[in-house]
Amino acid sequence: MAIGEILLLVFVFVIAGFLGVELISKVPSQLHTPLMSGTNAISGITIVGAIAATAVALHTEGMLSNIMGFLAIVLAAINVIGGYLVTDRMLGMFKKKGDDKK
């Protein structure tokens, strides 16, 4: 990879970080739970992308790309599961004490 490509990728990463901080800081506290639910759905797409990238890497690259692909799948799955657990816990705070019975 050329140095110009690496600098472009770092630039995009830094801009995305600043944009994320600005967007999240402007969200009112009442919207955090719905926003988190939407983010969990997007994270599910990350798992699909990690699986697709790993499938391509299995046929074209060496062992390092296989390990990185597996790691990407595991970390994306942890992100989705943890996000849904946190969302469920946050939604549980809004339930009345007698609503637990189904």
C-alpha atoms as a PDB file:
ATOM      1  CA  MET A   1       0.000   0.000   0.000  1.00  0.00           C
ATOM      2  CA  ALA A   2       1.382   3.392  -0.956  1.00  0.00           C
ATOM      3  CA  ILE A   3       1.895   6.136   1.608  1.00  0.00           C
ATOM      4  CA  GLY A   4      -0.762   8.271  -0.109  1.00  0.00           C
ATOM      5  CA  GLU A   5      -3.381   5.547   0.346  1.00  0.00           C
ATOM      6  CA  ILE A   6      -2.497   5.145   4.018  1.00  0.00           C
ATOM      7  CA  LEU A   7      -2.739   8.898   4.612  1.00  0.00           C
ATOM      8  CA  LEU A   8      -6.121   9.000   2.887  1.00  0.00           C
ATOM      9  CA  LEU A   9      -7.418   6.160   5.070  1.00  0.00           C
ATOM     10  CA  VAL A  10      -6.148   7.868   8.240  1.00  0.00           C
ATOM     11  CA  PHE A  11      -7.763  11.134   7.108  1.00  0.00           C
ATOM     12  CA  VAL A  12     -11.126   9.432   6.563  1.00  0.00           C
ATOM     13  CA  PHE A  13     -10.853   7.704   9.957  1.00  0.00           C
ATOM     14  CA  VAL A  14     -10.112  10.974  11.790  1.00  0.00           C
ATOM     15  CA  ILE A  15     -12.932  12.849  10.027  1.00  0.00           C
ATOM     16  CA  ALA A  16     -15.366  10.004  10.839  1.00  0.00           C
ATOM     17  CA  GLY A  17     -14.304  10.176  14.489  1.00  0.00           C
ATOM     18  CA  PHE A  18     -14.896  13.914  14.716  1.00  0.00           C
ATOM     19  CA  LEU A  19     -18.237  13.597  12.929  1.00  0.00           C
ATOM     20  CA  GLY A  20     -19.324  10.806  15.285  1.00  0.00           C
ATOM     21  CA  VAL A  21     -18.471  12.823  18.382  1.00  0.00           C
ATOM     22  CA  GLU A  22     -20.339  15.862  17.059  1.00  0.00           C
ATOM     23  CA  LEU A  23     -23.428  13.862  16.144  1.00  0.00           C
ATOM     24  CA  ILE A  24     -23.626  11.910  19.399  1.00  0.00           C
ATOM     25  CA  SER A  25     -23.083  14.982  21.563  1.00  0.00           C
ATOM     26  CA  LYS A  26     -26.096  16.678  19.949  1.00  0.00           C
ATOM     27  CA  VAL A  27     -28.518  13.787  20.688  1.00  0.00           C
ATOM     28  CA  PRO A  28     -30.943  14.468  23.559  1.00  0.00           C
ATOM     29  CA  SER A  29     -31.034  11.890  26.346  1.00  0.00           C
ATOM     30  CA  GLN A  30     -34.586  10.769  25.419  1.00  0.00           C
ATOM     31  CA  LEU A  31     -33.345   9.528  22.044  1.00  0.00           C
ATOM     32  CA  HIS A  32     -30.377   7.469  23.212  1.00  0.00           C
ATOM     33  CA  THR A  33     -32.323   4.184  23.469  1.00  0.00           C
ATOM     34  CA  PRO A  34     -33.874   4.372  19.964  1.00  0.00           C
ATOM     35  CA  LEU A  35     -30.554   5.506  18.566  1.00  0.00           C
ATOM     36  CA  MET A  36     -28.811   2.556  20.180  1.00  0.00           C
ATOM     37  CA  SER A  37     -31.385   0.152  18.731  1.00  0.00           C
ATOM     38  CA  GLY A  38     -30.755   1.537  15.256  1.00  0.00           C
ATOM     39  CA  THR A  39     -27.025   1.281  15.767  1.00  0.00           C
ATOM     40  CA  ASN A  40     -27.391  -2.379  16.747  1.00  0.00           C
ATOM     41  CA  ALA A  41     -29.146  -3.062  13.458  1.00  0.00           C
ATOM     42  CA  ILE A  42     -26.269  -1.424  11.596  1.00  0.00           C
ATOM     43  CA  SER A  43     -23.805  -3.513  13.605  1.00  0.00           C
ATOM     44  CA  GLY A  44     -25.619  -6.618  12.370  1.00  0.00           C
ATOM     45  CA  ILE A  45     -24.633  -5.578   8.852  1.00  0.00           C
ATOM     46  CA  THR A  46     -21.036  -5.434  10.095  1.00  0.00           C
ATOM     47  CA  ILE A  47     -21.213  -9.152  10.884  1.00  0.00           C
ATOM     48  CA  VAL A  48     -22.387  -9.885   7.338  1.00  0.00           C
ATOM     49  CA  GLY A  49     -19.511  -7.820   5.951  1.00  0.00           C
ATOM     50  CA  ALA A  50     -16.993  -9.586   8.201  1.00  0.00           C
ATOM     51  CA  ILE A  51     -18.299 -12.987   7.086  1.00  0.00           C
ATOM     52  CA  ALA A  52     -18.085 -11.965   3.423  1.00  0.00           C
ATOM     53  CA  ALA A  53     -14.560 -10.589   3.819  1.00  0.00           C
ATOM     54  CA  THR A  54     -13.461 -13.741   5.642  1.00  0.00           C
ATOM     55  CA  ALA A  55     -14.954 -15.955   2.932  1.00  0.00           C
ATOM     56  CA  VAL A  56     -12.971 -14.095   0.274  1.00  0.00           C
ATOM     57  CA  ALA A  57      -9.822 -14.238   2.401  1.00  0.00           C
ATOM     58  CA  LEU A  58     -10.128 -18.010   2.801  1.00  0.00           C
ATOM     59  CA  HIS A  59      -9.702 -18.472  -0.943  1.00  0.00           C
ATOM     60  CA  THR A  60      -7.130 -15.798  -1.725  1.00  0.00           C
ATOM     61  CA  GLU A  61      -4.886 -14.850   1.179  1.00  0.00           C
ATOM     62  CA  GLY A  62      -2.703 -16.430   3.854  1.00  0.00           C
ATOM     63  CA  MET A  63      -3.217 -17.355   7.481  1.00  0.00           C
ATOM     64  CA  LEU A  64      -3.076 -13.790   8.860  1.00  0.00           C
ATOM     65  CA  SER A  65      -6.127 -12.699   6.875  1.00  0.00           C
ATOM     66  CA  ASN A  66      -8.036 -15.777   8.064  1.00  0.00           C
ATOM     67  CA  ILE A  67      -7.257 -14.958  11.691  1.00  0.00           C
ATOM     68  CA  MET A  68      -8.155 -11.285  11.220  1.00  0.00           C
ATOM     69  CA  GLY A  69     -11.427 -12.246   9.524  1.00  0.00           C
ATOM     70  CA  PHE A  70     -12.370 -14.576  12.362  1.00  0.00           C
ATOM     71  CA  LEU A  71     -11.471 -11.871  14.881  1.00  0.00           C
ATOM     72  CA  ALA A  72     -13.653  -9.380  12.979  1.00  0.00           C
ATOM     73  CA  ILE A  73     -16.615 -11.774  13.128  1.00  0.00           C
ATOM     74  CA  VAL A  74     -16.159 -12.392  16.856  1.00  0.00           C
ATOM     75  CA  LEU A  75     -15.787  -8.694  17.730  1.00  0.00           C
ATOM     76  CA  ALA A  76     -18.788  -7.698  15.608  1.00  0.00           C
ATOM     77  CA  ALA A  77     -20.892 -10.401  17.281  1.00  0.00           C
ATOM     78  CA  ILE A  78     -19.823  -9.200  20.743  1.00  0.00           C
ATOM     79  CA  ASN A  79     -20.745  -5.652  19.724  1.00  0.00           C
ATOM     80  CA  VAL A  80     -24.234  -6.660  18.561  1.00  0.00           C
ATOM     81  CA  ILE A  81     -24.992  -8.895  21.555  1.00  0.00           C
ATOM     82  CA  GLY A  82     -23.710  -6.330  24.044  1.00  0.00           C
ATOM     83  CA  GLY A  83     -25.669  -3.565  22.353  1.00  0.00           C
ATOM     84  CA  TYR A  84     -28.899  -5.513  22.538  1.00  0.00           C
ATOM     85  CA  LEU A  85     -28.297  -6.336  26.209  1.00  0.00           C
ATOM     86  CA  VAL A  86     -27.678  -2.688  27.039  1.00  0.00           C
ATOM     87  CA  THR A  87     -30.770  -1.628  25.064  1.00  0.00           C
ATOM     88  CA  ASP A  88     -32.888  -4.205  26.869  1.00  0.00           C
ATOM     89  CA  ARG A  89     -31.602  -2.989  30.212  1.00  0.00           C
ATOM     90  CA  MET A  90     -32.293   0.637  29.305  1.00  0.00           C
ATOM     91  CA  LEU A  91     -35.826  -0.206  28.163  1.00  0.00           C
ATOM     92  CA  GLY A  92     -36.349  -2.124  31.410  1.00  0.00           C
ATOM     93  CA  MET A  93     -35.837   1.111  33.318  1.00  0.00           C
ATOM     94  CA  PHE A  94     -39.049   2.474  31.768  1.00  0.00           C
ATOM     95  CA  LYS A  95     -41.258  -0.464  32.788  1.00  0.00           C
ATOM     96  CA  LYS A  96     -43.528  -0.281  35.808  1.00  0.00           C
ATOM     97  CA  LYS A  97     -42.769  -2.691  38.639  1.00  0.00           C
ATOM     98  CA  GLY A  98     -45.922  -4.774  37.995  1.00  0.00           C
ATOM     99  CA  ASP A  99     -45.271  -5.141  34.225  1.00  0.00           C
ATOM    100  CA  ASP A 100     -42.745  -7.979  34.616  1.00  0.00           C
ATOM    101  CA  LYS A 101     -45.457 -10.675  34.574  1.00  0.00           C
ATOM    102  CA  LYS A 102     -46.289 -12.038  31.128  1.00  0.00           C
END
